[in-house]
Amino acid sequence: MLAPRAIASRARRVVAAAAIALTAIAGSACFENDPVCYAGDYRACTCPGAPAATGYQACVATDGYSACVCDGTTPGVDGSAPDADSAADAAPAAKKALLEACTQNEECETGLCFSFNQKGQRCSKACTSSSDCPPPSTGCNLQGICKAP
């Protein structure tokens, strides 16, 4: 017959082993049905036959990632050329100059529409010193963005 102390020690080991086993089972069950990736996801890949070149792989939610695309395009940036009719009808919008009011990065010549606390959103640009910021900017702020006057 085992002493009460030995029974308690053995019971603790059995409970600990059971807890570890349940954690392992529960942990693996959580990931079993999760997809490898989600539609709209992309990841970089090395182009076959050109180890220095990189391409991208698109997520196919049911199968993981597609084959490496090495055509020089960037997903979400490179699109197809507009058709001739729509290009003739739509004149390109003029880009906004430094410190003009904006709502999106694409509106600005510099590609940066920054939200200033007191001035609102303005076209700005990255800087490392005040000399990087032409007038009417008053210099470079601590975030590395040309200040609005």
C-alpha atoms as a PDB file:
ATOM      1  CA  MET A   1       0.000   0.000   0.000  1.00  0.00           C
ATOM      2  CA  LEU A   2       1.264   3.482  -0.928  1.00  0.00           C
ATOM      3  CA  ALA A   3       1.683   6.202   1.652  1.00  0.00           C
ATOM      4  CA  PRO A   4      -0.683   9.206   1.390  1.00  0.00           C
ATOM      5  CA  ARG A   5       2.232  11.420   0.440  1.00  0.00           C
ATOM      6  CA  ALA A   6       3.208   9.162  -2.492  1.00  0.00           C
ATOM      7  CA  ILE A   7      -0.404   9.015  -3.679  1.00  0.00           C
ATOM      8  CA  ALA A   8      -0.657  12.826  -3.660  1.00  0.00           C
ATOM      9  CA  SER A   9       2.641  13.167  -5.526  1.00  0.00           C
ATOM     10  CA  ARG A  10       1.549  10.623  -8.134  1.00  0.00           C
ATOM     11  CA  ALA A  11      -1.836  12.353  -8.529  1.00  0.00           C
ATOM     12  CA  ARG A  12      -0.111  15.710  -9.140  1.00  0.00           C
ATOM     13  CA  ARG A  13       2.081  14.152 -11.860  1.00  0.00           C
ATOM     14  CA  VAL A  14      -0.928  12.547 -13.549  1.00  0.00           C
ATOM     15  CA  VAL A  15      -2.879  15.834 -13.442  1.00  0.00           C
ATOM     16  CA  ALA A  16       0.119  17.750 -14.800  1.00  0.00           C
ATOM     17  CA  ALA A  17       0.613  15.246 -17.621  1.00  0.00           C
ATOM     18  CA  ALA A  18      -3.084  15.395 -18.475  1.00  0.00           C
ATOM     19  CA  ALA A  19      -2.993  19.210 -18.543  1.00  0.00           C
ATOM     20  CA  ILE A  20      -0.001  19.189 -20.880  1.00  0.00           C
ATOM     21  CA  ALA A  21      -1.688  16.668 -23.165  1.00  0.00           C
ATOM     22  CA  LEU A  22      -4.921  18.718 -23.285  1.00  0.00           C
ATOM     23  CA  THR A  23      -2.982  21.895 -24.028  1.00  0.00           C
ATOM     24  CA  ALA A  24      -1.165  20.201 -26.910  1.00  0.00           C
ATOM     25  CA  ILE A  25      -4.406  18.817 -28.330  1.00  0.00           C
ATOM     26  CA  ALA A  26      -6.268  22.115 -27.963  1.00  0.00           C
ATOM     27  CA  GLY A  27      -3.363  24.073 -29.448  1.00  0.00           C
ATOM     28  CA  SER A  28      -3.136  21.888 -32.514  1.00  0.00           C
ATOM     29  CA  ALA A  29      -6.910  21.957 -33.004  1.00  0.00           C
ATOM     30  CA  CYS A  30      -6.916  25.756 -33.174  1.00  0.00           C
ATOM     31  CA  PHE A  31      -4.565  25.789 -36.145  1.00  0.00           C
ATOM     32  CA  GLU A  32      -5.871  22.737 -37.953  1.00  0.00           C
ATOM     33  CA  ASN A  33      -8.596  24.579 -39.883  1.00  0.00           C
ATOM     34  CA  ASP A  34      -6.864  27.953 -40.189  1.00  0.00           C
ATOM     35  CA  PRO A  35      -5.901  28.847 -43.768  1.00  0.00           C
ATOM     36  CA  VAL A  36      -2.248  29.124 -44.710  1.00  0.00           C
ATOM     37  CA  CYS A  37      -2.934  32.642 -45.951  1.00  0.00           C
ATOM     38  CA  TYR A  38      -5.833  34.971 -46.710  1.00  0.00           C
ATOM     39  CA  ALA A  39      -7.126  36.213 -50.077  1.00  0.00           C
ATOM     40  CA  GLY A  40      -5.325  39.440 -50.975  1.00  0.00           C
ATOM     41  CA  ASP A  41      -2.112  38.430 -49.161  1.00  0.00           C
ATOM     42  CA  TYR A  42       1.180  38.476 -51.035  1.00  0.00           C
ATOM     43  CA  ARG A  43       4.682  37.459 -50.055  1.00  0.00           C
ATOM     44  CA  ALA A  44       8.087  37.908 -51.638  1.00  0.00           C
ATOM     45  CA  CYS A  45       9.748  34.969 -53.339  1.00  0.00           C
ATOM     46  CA  THR A  46      12.997  34.234 -55.177  1.00  0.00           C
ATOM     47  CA  CYS A  47      12.562  33.886 -58.927  1.00  0.00           C
ATOM     48  CA  PRO A  48      13.525  30.471 -60.269  1.00  0.00           C
ATOM     49  CA  GLY A  49      16.567  30.647 -62.529  1.00  0.00           C
ATOM     50  CA  ALA A  50      17.515  34.118 -61.241  1.00  0.00           C
ATOM     51  CA  PRO A  51      18.477  33.833 -57.548  1.00  0.00           C
ATOM     52  CA  ALA A  52      19.176  37.585 -57.285  1.00  0.00           C
ATOM     53  CA  ALA A  53      15.717  38.512 -58.609  1.00  0.00           C
ATOM     54  CA  THR A  54      12.649  38.631 -56.425  1.00  0.00           C
ATOM     55  CA  GLY A  55       9.008  38.305 -57.348  1.00  0.00           C
ATOM     56  CA  TYR A  56       5.795  37.742 -55.454  1.00  0.00           C
ATOM     57  CA  GLN A  57       3.360  34.977 -54.670  1.00  0.00           C
ATOM     58  CA  ALA A  58      -0.384  35.602 -54.349  1.00  0.00           C
ATOM     59  CA  CYS A  59      -2.484  33.775 -51.774  1.00  0.00           C
ATOM     60  CA  VAL A  60      -4.882  31.162 -53.046  1.00  0.00           C
ATOM     61  CA  ALA A  61      -6.824  30.681 -49.787  1.00  0.00           C
ATOM     62  CA  THR A  62      -7.594  27.012 -50.341  1.00  0.00           C
ATOM     63  CA  ASP A  63      -4.137  26.004 -51.582  1.00  0.00           C
ATOM     64  CA  GLY A  64      -1.657  28.397 -49.944  1.00  0.00           C
ATOM     65  CA  TYR A  65       0.498  30.571 -52.199  1.00  0.00           C
ATOM     66  CA  SER A  66       0.681  30.468 -56.001  1.00  0.00           C
ATOM     67  CA  ALA A  67       3.850  30.075 -58.046  1.00  0.00           C
ATOM     68  CA  CYS A  68       6.396  32.898 -57.963  1.00  0.00           C
ATOM     69  CA  VAL A  69       5.472  35.696 -60.420  1.00  0.00           C
ATOM     70  CA  CYS A  70       8.626  37.293 -61.820  1.00  0.00           C
ATOM     71  CA  ASP A  71       7.251  39.724 -64.441  1.00  0.00           C
ATOM     72  CA  GLY A  72       8.479  42.894 -62.712  1.00  0.00           C
ATOM     73  CA  THR A  73       5.027  44.022 -61.518  1.00  0.00           C
ATOM     74  CA  THR A  74       4.132  44.911 -57.950  1.00  0.00           C
ATOM     75  CA  PRO A  75       0.721  43.770 -56.689  1.00  0.00           C
ATOM     76  CA  GLY A  76      -1.590  46.692 -55.947  1.00  0.00           C
ATOM     77  CA  VAL A  77       0.756  49.177 -57.625  1.00  0.00           C
ATOM     78  CA  ASP A  78       1.125  48.051 -61.231  1.00  0.00           C
ATOM     79  CA  GLY A  79      -2.125  47.790 -63.120  1.00  0.00           C
ATOM     80  CA  SER A  80      -3.143  47.361 -66.679  1.00  0.00           C
ATOM     81  CA  ALA A  81      -2.940  50.354 -68.981  1.00  0.00           C
ATOM     82  CA  PRO A  82      -6.204  52.281 -69.318  1.00  0.00           C
ATOM     83  CA  ASP A  83      -7.986  51.957 -72.635  1.00  0.00           C
ATOM     84  CA  ALA A  84      -7.487  54.749 -75.194  1.00  0.00           C
ATOM     85  CA  ASP A  85     -11.003  56.197 -74.811  1.00  0.00           C
ATOM     86  CA  SER A  86     -10.834  56.692 -71.068  1.00  0.00           C
ATOM     87  CA  ALA A  87      -7.284  58.071 -71.245  1.00  0.00           C
ATOM     88  CA  ALA A  88      -8.341  60.724 -73.752  1.00  0.00           C
ATOM     89  CA  ASP A  89     -11.356  61.761 -71.669  1.00  0.00           C
ATOM     90  CA  ALA A  90      -9.618  61.997 -68.309  1.00  0.00           C
ATOM     91  CA  ALA A  91      -6.922  64.627 -67.946  1.00  0.00           C
ATOM     92  CA  PRO A  92      -4.402  63.840 -65.210  1.00  0.00           C
ATOM     93  CA  ALA A  93      -5.117  65.749 -62.006  1.00  0.00           C
ATOM     94  CA  ALA A  94      -2.481  68.282 -61.037  1.00  0.00           C
ATOM     95  CA  LYS A  95      -0.494  67.316 -57.944  1.00  0.00           C
ATOM     96  CA  LYS A  96      -0.574  69.618 -54.939  1.00  0.00           C
ATOM     97  CA  ALA A  97       2.515  71.532 -53.898  1.00  0.00           C
ATOM     98  CA  LEU A  98       4.312  71.417 -50.558  1.00  0.00           C
ATOM     99  CA  LEU A  99       2.032  72.420 -47.642  1.00  0.00           C
ATOM    100  CA  GLU A 100      -1.197  72.629 -49.666  1.00  0.00           C
ATOM    101  CA  ALA A 101      -4.280  71.043 -48.062  1.00  0.00           C
ATOM    102  CA  CYS A 102      -4.778  67.360 -48.985  1.00  0.00           C
ATOM    103  CA  THR A 103      -6.645  64.199 -47.999  1.00  0.00           C
ATOM    104  CA  GLN A 104      -4.503  61.433 -49.598  1.00  0.00           C
ATOM    105  CA  ASN A 105      -0.810  60.850 -50.330  1.00  0.00           C
ATOM    106  CA  GLU A 106      -1.546  60.474 -54.054  1.00  0.00           C
ATOM    107  CA  GLU A 107      -2.683  64.111 -54.270  1.00  0.00           C
ATOM    108  CA  CYS A 108       0.750  65.481 -53.346  1.00  0.00           C
ATOM    109  CA  GLU A 109       3.810  66.047 -55.559  1.00  0.00           C
ATOM    110  CA  THR A 110       5.871  64.660 -52.681  1.00  0.00           C
ATOM    111  CA  GLY A 111       3.617  61.621 -52.180  1.00  0.00           C
ATOM    112  CA  LEU A 112       3.059  62.483 -48.497  1.00  0.00           C
ATOM    113  CA  CYS A 113      -0.154  63.930 -47.066  1.00  0.00           C
ATOM    114  CA  PHE A 114       0.624  64.467 -43.364  1.00  0.00           C
ATOM    115  CA  SER A 115      -1.846  65.305 -40.599  1.00  0.00           C
ATOM    116  CA  PHE A 116      -0.617  68.258 -38.520  1.00  0.00           C
ATOM    117  CA  ASN A 117      -2.384  68.764 -35.180  1.00  0.00           C
ATOM    118  CA  GLN A 118      -3.165  72.472 -35.616  1.00  0.00           C
ATOM    119  CA  LYS A 119      -3.000  72.830 -39.413  1.00  0.00           C
ATOM    120  CA  GLY A 120      -4.888  69.746 -40.613  1.00  0.00           C
ATOM    121  CA  GLN A 121      -3.694  67.547 -43.464  1.00  0.00           C
ATOM    122  CA  ARG A 122      -1.047  69.124 -45.684  1.00  0.00           C
ATOM    123  CA  CYS A 123       1.315  67.913 -48.384  1.00  0.00           C
ATOM    124  CA  SER A 124       4.716  67.602 -46.752  1.00  0.00           C
ATOM    125  CA  LYS A 125       7.918  65.658 -47.243  1.00  0.00           C
ATOM    126  CA  ALA A 126      10.432  63.675 -45.260  1.00  0.00           C
ATOM    127  CA  CYS A 127      13.479  65.490 -43.940  1.00  0.00           C
ATOM    128  CA  THR A 128      16.561  64.960 -41.825  1.00  0.00           C
ATOM    129  CA  SER A 129      17.371  68.631 -41.203  1.00  0.00           C
ATOM    130  CA  SER A 130      15.682  72.018 -41.595  1.00  0.00           C
ATOM    131  CA  SER A 131      17.690  72.665 -44.773  1.00  0.00           C
ATOM    132  CA  ASP A 132      15.690  69.843 -46.439  1.00  0.00           C
ATOM    133  CA  CYS A 133      12.490  71.919 -46.075  1.00  0.00           C
ATOM    134  CA  PRO A 134      11.972  74.769 -48.562  1.00  0.00           C
ATOM    135  CA  PRO A 135       9.839  77.813 -47.657  1.00  0.00           C
ATOM    136  CA  PRO A 136       7.122  78.270 -46.557  1.00  0.00           C
ATOM    137  CA  SER A 137       8.028  75.386 -44.211  1.00  0.00           C
ATOM    138  CA  THR A 138       9.618  76.480 -40.956  1.00  0.00           C
ATOM    139  CA  GLY A 139      11.920  73.449 -40.728  1.00  0.00           C
ATOM    140  CA  CYS A 140      12.052  69.734 -39.950  1.00  0.00           C
ATOM    141  CA  ASN A 141      10.000  68.407 -37.003  1.00  0.00           C
ATOM    142  CA  LEU A 142      11.014  65.632 -34.611  1.00  0.00           C
ATOM    143  CA  GLN A 143       9.140  63.071 -36.733  1.00  0.00           C
ATOM    144  CA  GLY A 144      11.329  63.825 -39.768  1.00  0.00           C
ATOM    145  CA  ILE A 145       8.582  65.745 -41.635  1.00  0.00           C
ATOM    146  CA  CYS A 146       8.760  69.330 -42.925  1.00  0.00           C
ATOM    147  CA  LYS A 147       6.683  71.567 -40.621  1.00  0.00           C
ATOM    148  CA  ALA A 148       3.634  73.534 -41.731  1.00  0.00           C
ATOM    149  CA  PRO A 149       3.950  77.306 -41.032  1.00  0.00           C
END
